[in-house]
Amino acid sequence: MSDKALSDQATKVLPTAVQTRILRFTLGVALATFLAAWIDWPLAFVAPIFTAKFLFEKRVLHVDIVHELLLAMIVTVAIGVALSLGFAQYPVPMLASVAGLMMIGYFLFLDPKWNLFATILLMSTLMLPFMAIQSTGTTIFLAIGLSLSGAISVGIFALLHIYLPEREERHAGYQAVSLSDEFRWFSALRALIIAFPVVSVFFIFQISEALLSMIFIALLSLMITGEKSVKLSAFLLISNAIGGMIAIVVFGVLALVPNIAFYTLFIALLAITLGTKMYTESAKAPIYATALNTALVLIGTTLMSSGVIDEKMWIRLGLLTLVAVYMVVAAFFIETRQWKVLEFKGQMTKT
């Protein structure tokens, strides 16, 4: 077979646009990993996770997208400042504020324009108060560190889109919200009823390894139904098990070659492998994306705390199993109740 025929065949299998996205994704995650390991600011391990999320979910660069992401960082710092002033010393008002911000986050999540902002808002709302209870004085530094991770991720996102653009794609504006505001608030309340009991338990008992599990259930509670809960539970366990095994392999190799350059190259190899799967197998993309995020969280938190990664994985999987069981039970329980608060009688879509 001629070189031209091979080239044509490769192009059909993997279009140029997809190749560009994979390359951009790999370089972005690698650059964020290198900066996080080199500078090592508070919560630096979040930067590669944010970068991967931004690059995968936002495929074109537009000023509105940058504004949305930077606004999320400002809100994160504002939450951190409020907590650093001693607000975390009052558990009941703090939990009430967490519930209120979760409601707002769920409402915004159902608007395509604010989806990514809402995701970061929910993460900040859960992460910062959870950490503030343990150490109020460091909350502002953690908030600044989280925002710095986001700002660096936005910078990498913009830089790579400038130098590796997709000329065939343009930002055509956000899709109009088809759901009515009444239905969005109803969905937000239902999600809060499902997620908040778990959030409260984790906050009260301060289960430090439960942070990722808490964020997962908060983000997934909008999608939970009795039928979907079983699939979502299986998705959580499978994707996190894959991510945990990947993290153990990566950490084992890094123990032999503890070098930033090698660490960056190894994460780049991981990003290009899983990134290719994410962009070419859309049905399984959430599993690969979650597996990558889990691996990055486990590696980052272990390097930060000098812990043992396999112990963290088993604890995390144990907590996720409990969360998975809870999601199934809660979804079926909610659907069998006759509570008026769960009866929606308005219009689902806008007229």
Protein backbone atom coordinates (compact mmCIF):
# COMPACT_ATOMS: atom_id res chain seq x y z
CA MET A 1 0.00 0.00 0.00
CA SER A 2 1.37 3.45 -0.95
CA ASP A 3 2.24 6.15 1.56
CA LYS A 4 -0.61 8.29 0.21
CA ALA A 5 -3.12 5.49 0.73
CA LEU A 6 -1.90 4.95 4.29
CA SER A 7 -2.18 8.66 4.96
CA ASP A 8 -5.72 8.79 3.57
CA GLN A 9 -6.71 5.77 5.64
CA ALA A 10 -5.28 7.33 8.82
CA THR A 11 -7.15 10.57 8.12
CA LYS A 12 -10.44 8.67 7.79
CA VAL A 13 -9.85 6.88 11.07
CA LEU A 14 -8.75 9.97 12.96
CA PRO A 15 -9.80 13.32 11.39
CA THR A 16 -7.50 16.32 11.62
CA ALA A 17 -9.82 18.11 14.05
CA VAL A 18 -9.75 15.14 16.42
CA GLN A 19 -5.96 14.90 16.16
CA THR A 20 -5.75 18.61 17.07
CA ARG A 21 -8.00 18.12 20.09
CA ILE A 22 -5.97 15.13 21.33
CA LEU A 23 -2.69 17.03 20.88
CA ARG A 24 -4.10 20.10 22.63
CA PHE A 25 -5.46 17.96 25.46
CA THR A 26 -2.14 16.15 25.94
CA LEU A 27 0.00 19.29 25.88
CA GLY A 28 -2.40 21.10 28.21
CA VAL A 29 -2.47 18.37 30.86
CA ALA A 30 1.32 17.92 30.61
CA LEU A 31 2.01 21.66 30.96
CA ALA A 32 -0.38 22.00 33.93
CA THR A 33 1.24 18.95 35.57
CA PHE A 34 4.74 20.39 35.11
CA LEU A 35 3.79 23.81 36.55
CA ALA A 36 1.96 22.21 39.49
CA ALA A 37 4.95 20.00 40.36
CA TRP A 38 7.50 22.76 39.79
CA ILE A 39 5.82 25.68 41.64
CA ASP A 40 3.78 23.54 44.09
CA TRP A 41 1.26 26.14 45.32
CA PRO A 42 -1.66 25.10 47.60
CA LEU A 43 -4.02 22.68 45.82
CA ALA A 44 -1.74 22.72 42.77
CA PHE A 45 -2.80 19.18 41.85
CA VAL A 46 -6.21 20.59 40.83
CA ALA A 47 -4.67 22.50 37.87
CA PRO A 48 -4.25 19.44 35.59
CA ILE A 49 -7.80 18.34 36.44
CA PHE A 50 -9.27 21.76 35.60
CA THR A 51 -7.18 21.95 32.43
CA ALA A 52 -8.37 18.54 31.25
CA LYS A 53 -11.99 19.49 31.97
CA PHE A 54 -11.78 22.86 30.21
CA LEU A 55 -10.06 21.46 27.11
CA PHE A 56 -12.40 18.50 26.76
CA GLU A 57 -15.67 20.35 27.38
CA LYS A 58 -14.90 23.69 25.69
CA ARG A 59 -13.59 23.03 22.19
CA VAL A 60 -13.40 26.62 20.96
CA LEU A 61 -11.94 29.78 22.48
CA HIS A 62 -14.27 32.71 23.06
CA VAL A 63 -14.19 35.66 25.41
CA ASP A 64 -17.47 34.54 27.04
CA ILE A 65 -15.89 31.22 28.02
CA VAL A 66 -12.84 32.93 29.55
CA HIS A 67 -15.12 35.34 31.45
CA GLU A 68 -17.17 32.41 32.79
CA LEU A 69 -14.09 30.58 34.03
CA LEU A 70 -12.45 33.65 35.59
CA LEU A 71 -15.71 34.60 37.31
CA ALA A 72 -15.75 31.15 38.88
CA MET A 73 -12.27 31.79 40.26
CA ILE A 74 -13.36 35.14 41.77
CA VAL A 75 -16.35 33.50 43.46
CA THR A 76 -14.02 30.81 44.82
CA VAL A 77 -11.81 33.45 46.47
CA ALA A 78 -14.91 35.20 47.86
CA ILE A 79 -16.05 31.96 49.49
CA GLY A 80 -12.56 31.47 50.92
CA VAL A 81 -12.46 35.01 52.34
CA ALA A 82 -15.86 34.52 54.02
CA LEU A 83 -14.70 31.27 55.60
CA SER A 84 -11.35 32.73 56.69
CA LEU A 85 -13.19 35.40 58.68
CA GLY A 86 -14.41 32.73 61.06
CA PHE A 87 -17.70 31.79 59.43
CA ALA A 88 -16.70 28.10 59.58
CA GLN A 89 -16.88 28.22 63.39
CA TYR A 90 -20.68 28.31 63.19
CA PRO A 91 -21.71 24.90 61.78
CA VAL A 92 -25.45 25.49 61.33
CA PRO A 93 -25.18 28.80 59.39
CA MET A 94 -22.30 27.33 57.39
CA LEU A 95 -24.29 24.23 56.37
CA ALA A 96 -27.28 26.44 55.54
CA SER A 97 -25.02 28.57 53.32
CA VAL A 98 -23.61 25.43 51.66
CA ALA A 99 -27.16 24.27 50.94
CA GLY A 100 -28.07 27.68 49.46
CA LEU A 101 -25.01 27.79 47.22
CA MET A 102 -25.66 24.20 46.11
CA MET A 103 -29.21 25.20 45.10
CA ILE A 104 -27.86 28.12 43.06
CA GLY A 105 -25.22 25.85 41.52
CA TYR A 106 -27.83 23.26 40.50
CA PHE A 107 -30.06 25.96 38.99
CA LEU A 108 -27.17 27.39 36.94
CA PHE A 109 -25.99 23.90 35.97
CA LEU A 110 -29.11 23.48 33.80
CA ASP A 111 -28.13 26.51 31.70
CA PRO A 112 -25.51 25.66 29.00
CA LYS A 113 -23.99 29.14 29.38
CA TRP A 114 -23.26 28.64 33.08
CA ASN A 115 -22.70 24.88 33.21
CA LEU A 116 -18.94 25.02 33.77
CA PHE A 117 -19.24 27.94 36.22
CA ALA A 118 -21.80 25.93 38.20
CA THR A 119 -19.48 22.91 38.31
CA ILE A 120 -16.64 24.97 39.79
CA LEU A 121 -19.06 26.71 42.17
CA LEU A 122 -20.28 23.35 43.50
CA MET A 123 -16.70 22.10 43.91
CA SER A 124 -15.65 25.28 45.77
CA THR A 125 -18.78 25.25 47.92
CA LEU A 126 -18.03 21.72 49.11
CA MET A 127 -14.23 21.73 49.19
CA LEU A 128 -13.45 25.01 50.96
CA PRO A 129 -15.92 24.78 53.89
CA PHE A 130 -14.92 21.14 54.40
CA MET A 131 -11.27 22.18 54.74
CA ALA A 132 -12.11 25.30 56.74
CA ILE A 133 -13.51 23.20 59.60
CA GLN A 134 -10.11 21.52 59.97
CA SER A 135 -8.03 24.68 59.62
CA THR A 136 -9.81 28.03 59.42
CA GLY A 137 -6.61 30.05 59.15
CA THR A 138 -5.47 28.39 55.94
CA THR A 139 -8.79 28.62 54.09
CA ILE A 140 -7.97 31.88 52.31
CA PHE A 141 -4.67 30.40 51.12
CA LEU A 142 -6.47 27.28 49.88
CA ALA A 143 -9.05 29.45 48.10
CA ILE A 144 -6.29 31.49 46.47
CA GLY A 145 -4.49 28.24 45.56
CA LEU A 146 -7.65 26.79 44.03
CA SER A 147 -8.26 30.01 42.12
CA LEU A 148 -4.64 30.09 40.97
CA SER A 149 -5.05 26.53 39.69
CA GLY A 150 -8.13 27.69 37.79
CA ALA A 151 -6.46 30.82 36.43
CA ILE A 152 -3.44 28.84 35.21
CA SER A 153 -5.80 26.32 33.63
CA VAL A 154 -7.67 29.13 31.86
CA GLY A 155 -4.33 30.55 30.65
CA ILE A 156 -3.24 27.16 29.29
CA PHE A 157 -6.68 26.69 27.72
CA ALA A 158 -6.46 30.05 25.94
CA LEU A 159 -2.81 29.61 24.91
CA LEU A 160 -3.38 26.21 23.31
CA HIS A 161 -6.49 27.36 21.48
CA ILE A 162 -4.54 30.31 20.07
CA TYR A 163 -1.64 28.18 18.80
CA LEU A 164 -3.66 25.03 17.99
CA PRO A 165 -7.01 26.39 16.78
CA GLU A 166 -9.81 24.48 15.13
CA ARG A 167 -10.45 26.62 12.09
CA GLU A 168 -13.51 24.64 11.04
CA GLU A 169 -15.27 25.38 14.36
CA ARG A 170 -16.53 28.72 15.62
CA HIS A 171 -18.28 29.74 18.82
CA ALA A 172 -21.89 29.98 17.63
CA GLY A 173 -23.20 31.25 20.94
CA TYR A 174 -24.77 29.31 23.75
CA GLN A 175 -27.86 27.24 23.23
CA ALA A 176 -30.96 28.88 24.65
CA VAL A 177 -32.32 27.39 27.86
CA SER A 178 -35.36 25.33 26.93
CA LEU A 179 -36.31 24.47 30.52
CA SER A 180 -38.54 26.82 32.47
CA ASP A 181 -37.09 28.54 35.54
CA GLU A 182 -39.77 26.88 37.67
CA PHE A 183 -38.68 23.42 36.54
CA ARG A 184 -35.00 24.28 37.03
CA TRP A 185 -35.65 25.34 40.65
CA PHE A 186 -37.72 22.18 41.18
CA SER A 187 -34.86 20.02 39.81
CA ALA A 188 -32.35 21.91 41.97
CA LEU A 189 -34.44 21.27 45.10
CA ARG A 190 -34.80 17.57 44.27
CA ALA A 191 -31.03 17.26 43.75
CA LEU A 192 -30.39 19.05 47.05
CA ILE A 193 -32.74 16.68 48.90
CA ILE A 194 -30.73 13.73 47.54
CA ALA A 195 -27.22 15.15 48.02
CA PHE A 196 -27.40 17.25 51.17
CA PRO A 197 -27.87 14.41 53.73
CA VAL A 198 -24.60 12.83 52.54
CA VAL A 199 -22.86 16.21 52.49
CA SER A 200 -24.02 16.89 56.06
CA VAL A 201 -22.78 13.50 57.32
CA PHE A 202 -19.37 13.97 55.71
CA PHE A 203 -19.12 17.51 57.12
CA ILE A 204 -20.17 16.49 60.65
CA PHE A 205 -17.84 13.50 60.90
CA GLN A 206 -15.04 15.15 58.89
CA ILE A 207 -14.18 12.09 56.80
CA SER A 208 -11.14 13.51 55.01
CA GLU A 209 -11.00 10.81 52.32
CA ALA A 210 -14.65 11.43 51.44
CA LEU A 211 -14.16 14.78 49.71
CA LEU A 212 -14.05 13.36 46.17
CA SER A 213 -17.02 11.07 46.88
CA MET A 214 -18.99 14.05 48.21
CA ILE A 215 -18.23 16.08 45.09
CA PHE A 216 -19.23 13.16 42.86
CA ILE A 217 -22.63 12.70 44.47
CA ALA A 218 -23.26 16.45 44.49
CA LEU A 219 -22.53 16.72 40.76
CA LEU A 220 -24.47 13.58 39.83
CA SER A 221 -27.56 14.15 41.98
CA LEU A 222 -29.23 16.23 39.25
CA MET A 223 -29.21 13.18 36.98
CA ILE A 224 -30.28 10.57 39.52
CA THR A 225 -33.48 8.63 38.90
CA GLY A 226 -34.36 5.13 40.08
CA GLU A 227 -33.41 3.64 36.72
CA LYS A 228 -30.28 5.73 36.22
CA SER A 229 -29.00 5.36 39.80
CA VAL A 230 -27.85 1.77 39.23
CA LYS A 231 -25.99 2.74 36.05
CA LEU A 232 -24.46 5.82 37.68
CA SER A 233 -23.32 3.72 40.64
CA ALA A 234 -21.66 1.18 38.35
CA PHE A 235 -20.11 4.06 36.40
CA LEU A 236 -18.63 5.56 39.59
CA LEU A 237 -17.14 2.29 40.80
CA ILE A 238 -15.73 1.17 37.44
CA SER A 239 -14.21 4.54 36.48
CA ASN A 240 -12.68 5.11 39.91
CA ALA A 241 -11.31 1.55 40.05
CA ILE A 242 -9.63 2.11 36.67
CA GLY A 243 -8.28 5.47 37.85
CA GLY A 244 -7.02 3.91 41.08
CA MET A 245 -5.15 1.14 39.28
CA ILE A 246 -3.62 3.66 36.88
CA ALA A 247 -2.51 5.81 39.82
CA ILE A 248 -0.83 2.83 41.51
CA VAL A 249 1.11 2.03 38.32
CA VAL A 250 2.12 5.67 37.79
CA PHE A 251 3.17 6.12 41.41
CA GLY A 252 5.16 2.87 41.32
CA VAL A 253 7.10 4.07 38.26
CA LEU A 254 7.63 7.52 39.78
CA ALA A 255 9.07 5.91 42.91
CA LEU A 256 11.80 4.46 40.70
CA VAL A 257 12.43 7.71 38.77
CA PRO A 258 11.49 10.68 41.04
CA ASN A 259 12.03 13.38 38.45
CA ILE A 260 9.73 16.24 37.39
CA ALA A 261 10.54 15.84 33.69
CA PHE A 262 9.88 12.11 33.79
CA TYR A 263 6.71 12.68 35.83
CA THR A 264 5.45 15.18 33.24
CA LEU A 265 6.21 12.84 30.33
CA PHE A 266 4.49 9.95 32.08
CA ILE A 267 1.34 12.02 32.72
CA ALA A 268 1.48 13.18 29.08
CA LEU A 269 1.53 9.51 28.00
CA LEU A 270 -1.47 8.87 30.24
CA ALA A 271 -3.26 11.94 28.84
CA ILE A 272 -2.71 11.02 25.20
CA THR A 273 -3.82 7.42 25.82
CA LEU A 274 -7.02 8.27 27.71
CA GLY A 275 -7.55 11.46 25.69
CA THR A 276 -7.63 9.47 22.47
CA LYS A 277 -10.29 7.22 24.00
CA MET A 278 -12.27 10.23 25.22
CA TYR A 279 -12.36 11.89 21.81
CA THR A 280 -12.93 8.76 19.71
CA GLU A 281 -15.30 6.75 21.93
CA SER A 282 -17.95 9.28 22.92
CA ALA A 283 -20.20 6.71 24.62
CA LYS A 284 -17.43 5.74 27.06
CA ALA A 285 -15.83 9.20 27.30
CA PRO A 286 -17.23 9.92 30.83
CA ILE A 287 -15.62 6.72 32.14
CA TYR A 288 -12.21 7.59 30.70
CA ALA A 289 -12.49 11.22 31.86
CA THR A 290 -13.40 10.19 35.40
CA ALA A 291 -10.64 7.58 35.45
CA LEU A 292 -8.11 10.26 34.44
CA ASN A 293 -9.41 12.69 37.07
CA THR A 294 -9.28 10.00 39.76
CA ALA A 295 -5.71 9.09 38.84
CA LEU A 296 -4.64 12.75 38.91
CA VAL A 297 -6.35 13.33 42.28
CA LEU A 298 -4.79 10.23 43.85
CA ILE A 299 -1.32 11.02 42.52
CA GLY A 300 -1.55 14.71 43.45
CA THR A 301 -2.89 14.21 46.97
CA THR A 302 -0.43 11.39 47.66
CA LEU A 303 2.56 13.45 46.52
CA MET A 304 1.27 16.34 48.66
CA SER A 305 0.76 14.23 51.80
CA SER A 306 3.46 11.56 51.26
CA GLY A 307 0.86 8.90 51.94
CA VAL A 308 0.41 5.41 50.51
CA ILE A 309 -1.57 5.47 47.30
CA ASP A 310 -3.02 1.94 47.38
CA GLU A 311 -4.49 2.56 50.85
CA LYS A 312 -6.09 5.77 49.58
CA MET A 313 -7.55 3.90 46.63
CA TRP A 314 -9.21 1.20 48.74
CA ILE A 315 -10.60 3.75 51.21
CA ARG A 316 -11.93 5.84 48.33
CA LEU A 317 -13.51 2.82 46.62
CA GLY A 318 -15.08 1.77 49.91
CA LEU A 319 -16.63 5.21 50.35
CA LEU A 320 -17.78 5.24 46.72
CA THR A 321 -19.45 1.87 47.27
CA LEU A 322 -21.40 3.35 50.18
CA VAL A 323 -22.26 6.40 48.06
CA ALA A 324 -23.37 4.14 45.19
CA VAL A 325 -25.68 2.17 47.50
CA TYR A 326 -27.05 5.43 48.90
CA MET A 327 -27.75 6.82 45.41
CA VAL A 328 -29.78 3.74 44.45
CA VAL A 329 -31.74 3.72 47.71
CA ALA A 330 -32.28 7.51 47.73
CA ALA A 331 -33.43 7.61 44.10
CA PHE A 332 -36.03 4.86 44.54
CA PHE A 333 -37.09 6.28 47.92
CA ILE A 334 -37.64 9.78 46.49
CA GLU A 335 -39.62 8.42 43.54
CA THR A 336 -42.01 6.50 45.79
CA ARG A 337 -42.82 9.44 48.10
CA GLN A 338 -45.95 11.53 47.78
CA TRP A 339 -44.38 14.69 49.20
CA LYS A 340 -45.85 17.89 47.79
CA VAL A 341 -42.40 19.41 47.45
CA LEU A 342 -41.58 16.67 44.91
CA GLU A 343 -44.75 17.18 42.86
CA PHE A 344 -44.07 19.39 39.84
CA LYS A 345 -47.27 20.80 38.35
CA GLY A 346 -45.87 23.59 36.20
CA GLN A 347 -44.50 23.64 32.66
CA MET A 348 -41.22 21.81 32.10
CA THR A 349 -40.19 23.88 29.07
CA LYS A 350 -40.51 27.54 28.23
CA THR A 351 -43.43 28.57 26.09
